[in-house]
Amino acid sequence: MIYTVTLNPSVDYHVETPTLHVGEVNVAQRQHYKAGGKGINVSMALQNLHIKSEAFLLAGGFTGQFIVETLQEKGIVYHAVAVEEPTRINVKLKQKVETELNGRSPYVSEQVLRSLTQQLLDVVAPKDYVVLSGSLPESVAASTYATLLEQLESKGVYVVIDSKGKALEEALPKRPFLIKPNQHEVSEWLGSTISTPQAACNAGREMMKHGAEHVIVSMAGEGAVFVSEEVCVVANAPKGIVQHSIGAGDSVVAGFLAHYSQHGDLVEAFRYGVAAGSASAFSHDLCTKAEVEALVDRVTISPLD
């Protein structure tokens, strides 16, 4: 089974407008709401790929209820632990470029975090996958993912980390099965700019020295790089018209796990993940199985030094 954990979910309010005039009244051309948060995106993409998962999340207020209802509508099994304040709202503004205005997290008490952790530990079994994904609420310690990872690995669970900054840094020594930073997050961790696939490969090897078992570095239009003990390869990004980038990285994780959990081939799982990320980028929503399978043969894999 695949489980996702989203400690800082959101309702994403997507707005499209051709222009934005600061200090004036602006009218949206299009708008819609979505349940958001990286782990939730992974669960929804997995559902689209016909792979079951269970979503663990913190939810509060009318916004938290919207997320829960979305998961119910999509048929995703969820475990929601209540917080007192409403789940945040993130504004995603699309013009020629994308601008984000993310809300502040609700307060998360130690008791709430212990409750979610215990519920998760009660259901996982050896060889399950757990995705710890997204930012942490401001009230939660940066070591939270590291602590969870240690507890989960003691149960024989494969843990995927998709986070950044201090949360990623502290989790690395606990030996996650897979991490999936983007090139900007790798650059931040490394302290120098990563701009080429070979540089991403070298950085991935450095992250493995610090504890990661496998590394995927997503590089937007440049594709992505996969690093393991045996290989370092780059996958091209299929050509297409990008509709939006939100959820594309989460779809890479979903695609990778969907394929790897069924077939056990790391490089082919990476190919499928890149196809899933591209399919989401080319769509107004998260990838579907048909969209991914139409792209997967267009993803070419090449070795790096």
Protein backbone atom coordinates (compact mmCIF):
# COMPACT_ATOMS: atom_id res chain seq x y z
CA MET A 1 0.00 0.00 0.00
CA ILE A 2 1.04 3.59 -0.64
CA TYR A 3 0.29 6.20 2.02
CA THR A 4 0.71 9.95 1.66
CA VAL A 5 1.15 12.42 4.50
CA THR A 6 0.21 16.09 4.11
CA LEU A 7 0.80 18.12 7.26
CA ASN A 8 0.23 21.48 5.58
CA PRO A 9 -2.59 21.05 3.03
CA SER A 10 -4.42 23.89 1.35
CA VAL A 11 -7.34 24.89 -0.73
CA ASP A 12 -5.77 26.24 -3.90
CA TYR A 13 -7.65 29.14 -5.46
CA HIS A 14 -6.61 29.31 -9.12
CA VAL A 15 -7.16 32.62 -10.89
CA GLU A 16 -6.45 33.44 -14.54
CA THR A 17 -6.21 37.04 -15.72
CA PRO A 18 -4.39 38.55 -18.71
CA THR A 19 -3.08 41.48 -16.68
CA LEU A 20 -2.68 42.43 -13.04
CA HIS A 21 -2.69 46.09 -12.03
CA VAL A 22 -1.47 46.58 -8.48
CA GLY A 23 -3.62 48.98 -6.48
CA GLU A 24 -6.61 48.63 -8.82
CA VAL A 25 -9.65 46.36 -9.10
CA ASN A 26 -8.85 43.33 -11.28
CA VAL A 27 -11.38 40.85 -12.63
CA ALA A 28 -10.56 37.17 -13.17
CA GLN A 29 -11.21 35.58 -16.56
CA ARG A 30 -11.38 32.12 -14.98
CA GLN A 31 -11.29 30.77 -11.45
CA HIS A 32 -11.59 27.45 -9.70
CA TYR A 33 -10.81 25.79 -6.38
CA LYS A 34 -8.83 22.60 -5.79
CA ALA A 35 -7.80 20.52 -2.82
CA GLY A 36 -4.06 21.10 -2.54
CA GLY A 37 -0.95 20.05 -0.70
CA LYS A 38 1.81 17.91 -2.17
CA GLY A 39 0.83 14.63 -0.53
CA ILE A 40 -2.80 15.11 -1.50
CA ASN A 41 -1.71 15.77 -5.09
CA VAL A 42 0.25 12.50 -5.04
CA SER A 43 -2.80 10.57 -3.83
CA MET A 44 -5.05 12.16 -6.46
CA ALA A 45 -2.56 11.49 -9.25
CA LEU A 46 -2.20 7.87 -8.08
CA GLN A 47 -5.98 7.53 -8.17
CA ASN A 48 -5.95 8.79 -11.76
CA LEU A 49 -3.30 6.15 -12.54
CA HIS A 50 -5.57 3.45 -11.06
CA ILE A 51 -3.29 2.88 -8.06
CA LYS A 52 -4.84 2.91 -4.59
CA SER A 53 -3.39 5.01 -1.81
CA GLU A 54 -4.51 6.32 1.55
CA ALA A 55 -4.07 9.97 2.47
CA PHE A 56 -3.19 11.17 5.97
CA LEU A 57 -3.72 14.87 6.53
CA LEU A 58 -4.48 17.64 8.99
CA ALA A 59 -7.70 19.55 8.27
CA GLY A 60 -9.62 22.36 9.92
CA GLY A 61 -12.59 24.63 9.28
CA PHE A 62 -14.59 25.00 6.07
CA THR A 63 -11.45 24.73 3.95
CA GLY A 64 -10.47 21.47 5.60
CA GLN A 65 -13.98 20.18 4.99
CA PHE A 66 -13.66 21.06 1.30
CA ILE A 67 -10.49 18.93 1.07
CA VAL A 68 -12.14 16.00 2.85
CA GLU A 69 -15.17 16.20 0.55
CA THR A 70 -12.87 16.27 -2.50
CA LEU A 71 -11.11 13.11 -1.34
CA GLN A 72 -14.48 11.46 -0.72
CA GLU A 73 -15.70 12.38 -4.21
CA LYS A 74 -12.57 10.90 -5.77
CA GLY A 75 -12.88 7.67 -3.80
CA ILE A 76 -9.60 8.14 -1.93
CA VAL A 77 -9.42 6.62 1.54
CA TYR A 78 -8.33 9.33 3.97
CA HIS A 79 -7.44 9.79 7.63
CA ALA A 80 -8.01 13.42 8.61
CA VAL A 81 -6.94 14.68 12.03
CA ALA A 82 -8.71 17.89 13.03
CA VAL A 83 -6.92 21.14 13.82
CA GLU A 84 -8.71 24.07 15.45
CA GLU A 85 -7.93 26.74 12.84
CA PRO A 86 -9.03 26.61 9.19
CA THR A 87 -6.76 24.97 6.64
CA ARG A 88 -4.91 27.65 4.66
CA ILE A 89 -5.90 29.05 1.26
CA ASN A 90 -3.21 29.44 -1.41
CA VAL A 91 -3.79 31.81 -4.32
CA LYS A 92 -2.35 30.63 -7.66
CA LEU A 93 -2.39 33.51 -10.12
CA LYS A 94 -1.78 32.70 -13.77
CA GLN A 95 -0.83 35.33 -16.33
CA LYS A 96 2.03 34.76 -18.75
CA VAL A 97 3.89 33.62 -15.66
CA GLU A 98 2.61 31.96 -12.49
CA THR A 99 2.53 33.81 -9.17
CA GLU A 100 1.67 32.21 -5.86
CA LEU A 101 0.47 33.76 -2.60
CA ASN A 102 0.38 31.06 0.04
CA GLY A 103 -1.59 31.44 3.25
CA ARG A 104 -0.20 30.87 6.72
CA SER A 105 -0.63 27.43 8.25
CA PRO A 106 -3.03 26.73 11.10
CA TYR A 107 -1.51 26.02 14.49
CA VAL A 108 -0.70 22.33 14.96
CA SER A 109 -0.33 21.12 18.54
CA GLU A 110 1.98 18.30 19.62
CA GLN A 111 -1.10 16.29 20.56
CA VAL A 112 -2.52 16.57 17.03
CA LEU A 113 0.80 15.57 15.49
CA ARG A 114 1.11 12.57 17.84
CA SER A 115 -2.41 11.48 16.91
CA LEU A 116 -1.69 11.50 13.17
CA THR A 117 1.67 9.78 13.69
CA GLN A 118 0.15 7.00 15.78
CA GLN A 119 -2.67 6.41 13.30
CA LEU A 120 -0.11 6.08 10.52
CA LEU A 121 2.16 3.76 12.50
CA ASP A 122 -0.84 1.57 13.35
CA VAL A 123 -1.64 0.80 9.70
CA VAL A 124 1.71 0.58 7.87
CA ALA A 125 3.30 -2.79 7.17
CA PRO A 126 6.73 -3.86 5.88
CA LYS A 127 7.35 -2.93 2.22
CA ASP A 128 4.61 -0.28 2.21
CA TYR A 129 5.46 3.16 0.80
CA VAL A 130 4.93 6.39 2.69
CA VAL A 131 5.28 9.78 0.99
CA LEU A 132 6.15 12.65 3.35
CA SER A 133 5.57 15.62 1.15
CA GLY A 134 5.33 19.39 1.22
CA SER A 135 6.10 22.17 3.65
CA LEU A 136 5.68 21.87 7.39
CA PRO A 137 3.33 24.12 9.39
CA GLU A 138 5.16 26.96 11.12
CA SER A 139 4.35 25.50 14.56
CA VAL A 140 5.91 22.12 13.75
CA ALA A 141 9.61 21.36 14.28
CA ALA A 142 11.86 21.06 11.22
CA SER A 143 12.88 17.62 12.50
CA THR A 144 9.32 16.26 12.13
CA TYR A 145 9.93 14.40 8.86
CA ALA A 146 13.22 13.00 10.20
CA THR A 147 11.44 11.68 13.30
CA LEU A 148 8.61 10.16 11.25
CA LEU A 149 11.06 8.63 8.80
CA GLU A 150 12.98 6.92 11.58
CA GLN A 151 9.79 5.48 13.07
CA LEU A 152 8.54 4.27 9.70
CA GLU A 153 11.81 2.70 8.61
CA SER A 154 11.92 0.71 11.86
CA LYS A 155 8.75 -0.97 10.51
CA GLY A 156 10.35 -1.83 7.16
CA VAL A 157 8.55 0.93 5.24
CA TYR A 158 9.99 2.68 2.16
CA VAL A 159 9.83 6.43 2.77
CA VAL A 160 9.79 9.10 0.07
CA ILE A 161 10.64 12.69 1.04
CA ASP A 162 9.60 15.62 -1.15
CA SER A 163 10.40 18.71 0.86
CA LYS A 164 13.09 21.36 1.09
CA GLY A 165 15.24 23.43 3.40
CA LYS A 166 15.78 22.32 6.97
CA ALA A 167 13.11 19.59 6.77
CA LEU A 168 14.97 17.89 3.91
CA GLU A 169 18.38 18.48 5.47
CA GLU A 170 17.37 16.83 8.75
CA ALA A 171 15.66 13.89 7.02
CA LEU A 172 18.63 12.92 4.82
CA PRO A 173 20.71 11.15 7.51
CA LYS A 174 17.70 8.89 8.27
CA ARG A 175 18.19 7.23 4.86
CA PRO A 176 14.98 7.87 2.89
CA PHE A 177 14.30 5.46 0.05
CA LEU A 178 13.78 8.34 -2.38
CA ILE A 179 13.98 12.12 -2.33
CA LYS A 180 12.65 14.35 -5.13
CA PRO A 181 13.90 17.91 -4.87
CA ASN A 182 13.78 20.28 -7.83
CA GLN A 183 16.91 21.99 -9.11
CA HIS A 184 16.28 25.13 -7.02
CA GLU A 185 15.89 23.10 -3.83
CA VAL A 186 19.07 21.16 -4.63
CA SER A 187 20.88 24.44 -5.28
CA GLU A 188 19.70 25.74 -1.91
CA TRP A 189 20.89 22.58 -0.15
CA LEU A 190 24.23 22.54 -1.97
CA GLY A 191 24.89 26.26 -1.69
CA SER A 192 25.62 26.64 -5.42
CA THR A 193 23.48 26.88 -8.55
CA ILE A 194 22.51 23.66 -10.37
CA SER A 195 21.79 24.40 -14.03
CA THR A 196 22.76 21.28 -16.01
CA PRO A 197 21.84 17.59 -15.81
CA GLN A 198 25.46 16.65 -15.05
CA ALA A 199 25.55 19.13 -12.18
CA ALA A 200 22.28 17.64 -10.90
CA CYS A 201 23.80 14.15 -11.14
CA ASN A 202 26.83 15.25 -9.11
CA ALA A 203 24.57 16.91 -6.53
CA GLY A 204 22.42 13.79 -6.32
CA ARG A 205 25.50 11.70 -5.56
CA GLU A 206 26.41 14.17 -2.83
CA MET A 207 22.91 13.83 -1.35
CA MET A 208 23.34 10.06 -1.39
CA LYS A 209 26.52 10.46 0.66
CA HIS A 210 24.36 12.25 3.23
CA GLY A 211 21.87 9.39 3.38
CA ALA A 212 19.43 9.30 0.44
CA GLU A 213 19.13 5.92 -1.27
CA HIS A 214 17.76 7.27 -4.57
CA VAL A 215 17.41 10.84 -5.86
CA ILE A 216 15.23 12.40 -8.56
CA VAL A 217 16.06 16.01 -9.42
CA SER A 218 13.32 17.63 -11.49
CA MET A 219 14.52 20.37 -13.85
CA ALA A 220 11.32 21.67 -15.50
CA GLY A 221 11.86 21.93 -19.27
CA GLU A 222 15.29 20.29 -18.99
CA GLY A 223 13.66 17.05 -17.86
CA ALA A 224 14.86 15.25 -14.75
CA VAL A 225 17.82 13.31 -13.41
CA PHE A 226 17.73 10.01 -11.52
CA VAL A 227 20.61 8.94 -9.32
CA SER A 228 21.11 5.63 -7.55
CA GLU A 229 24.10 3.53 -6.52
CA GLU A 230 24.09 1.82 -9.92
CA VAL A 231 23.15 4.58 -12.38
CA CYS A 232 22.93 8.28 -13.06
CA VAL A 233 20.62 9.05 -15.99
CA VAL A 234 18.79 12.02 -17.46
CA ALA A 235 15.29 11.90 -18.95
CA ASN A 236 14.22 14.45 -21.52
CA ALA A 237 10.95 16.30 -21.03
CA PRO A 238 8.54 15.56 -23.90
CA LYS A 239 7.64 18.65 -25.92
CA GLY A 240 4.23 20.17 -25.34
CA ILE A 241 2.36 23.31 -24.32
CA VAL A 242 2.65 23.88 -20.58
CA GLN A 243 -0.72 24.79 -19.08
CA HIS A 244 0.50 25.02 -15.49
CA SER A 245 3.31 23.62 -13.36
CA ILE A 246 1.42 23.12 -10.08
CA GLY A 247 1.28 19.43 -9.21
CA ALA A 248 3.74 18.36 -11.93
CA GLY A 249 6.47 17.44 -9.44
CA ASP A 250 3.94 15.55 -7.30
CA SER A 251 2.88 13.66 -10.42
CA VAL A 252 6.51 12.60 -10.94
CA VAL A 253 6.43 10.99 -7.49
CA ALA A 254 3.04 9.41 -8.17
CA GLY A 255 4.13 8.04 -11.55
CA PHE A 256 7.38 6.67 -10.14
CA LEU A 257 5.61 4.86 -7.29
CA ALA A 258 2.76 3.66 -9.49
CA HIS A 259 5.23 1.91 -11.78
CA TYR A 260 7.86 0.84 -9.24
CA SER A 261 5.33 -0.67 -6.82
CA GLN A 262 4.02 -2.84 -9.67
CA HIS A 263 7.21 -3.71 -11.58
CA GLY A 264 10.26 -3.00 -9.40
CA ASP A 265 12.34 -1.41 -12.18
CA LEU A 266 13.87 1.88 -10.97
CA VAL A 267 14.81 3.38 -14.34
CA GLU A 268 11.51 2.49 -16.01
CA ALA A 269 9.68 3.86 -12.97
CA PHE A 270 11.65 7.08 -13.43
CA ARG A 271 10.62 7.21 -17.11
CA TYR A 272 6.98 6.74 -16.13
CA GLY A 273 7.30 9.42 -13.46
CA VAL A 274 8.69 11.95 -15.95
CA ALA A 275 5.83 11.13 -18.33
CA ALA A 276 3.35 11.69 -15.49
CA GLY A 277 4.91 15.04 -14.57
CA SER A 278 4.80 16.15 -18.20
CA ALA A 279 1.20 15.01 -18.61
CA SER A 280 0.16 17.12 -15.62
CA ALA A 281 2.08 20.13 -16.93
CA PHE A 282 0.35 19.83 -20.31
CA SER A 283 -3.11 19.58 -18.69
CA HIS A 284 -5.31 21.85 -16.61
CA ASP A 285 -5.51 19.10 -14.01
CA LEU A 286 -3.42 16.21 -12.70
CA CYS A 287 -2.36 13.54 -15.20
CA THR A 288 -4.59 10.68 -16.25
CA LYS A 289 -3.40 7.16 -17.07
CA ALA A 290 -4.22 7.61 -20.77
CA GLU A 291 -2.26 10.89 -20.92
CA VAL A 292 0.78 9.34 -19.26
CA GLU A 293 0.80 6.27 -21.47
CA ALA A 294 0.57 8.50 -24.56
CA LEU A 295 3.79 10.24 -23.46
CA VAL A 296 5.89 7.52 -21.87
CA ASP A 297 7.46 6.29 -25.12
CA ARG A 298 8.53 9.88 -25.88
CA VAL A 299 10.65 10.02 -22.72
CA THR A 300 14.21 9.09 -23.64
CA ILE A 301 16.75 8.06 -21.01
CA SER A 302 20.47 8.82 -21.43
CA PRO A 303 23.39 7.96 -19.13
CA LEU A 304 25.47 10.64 -17.43
CA ASP A 305 29.04 10.34 -16.16
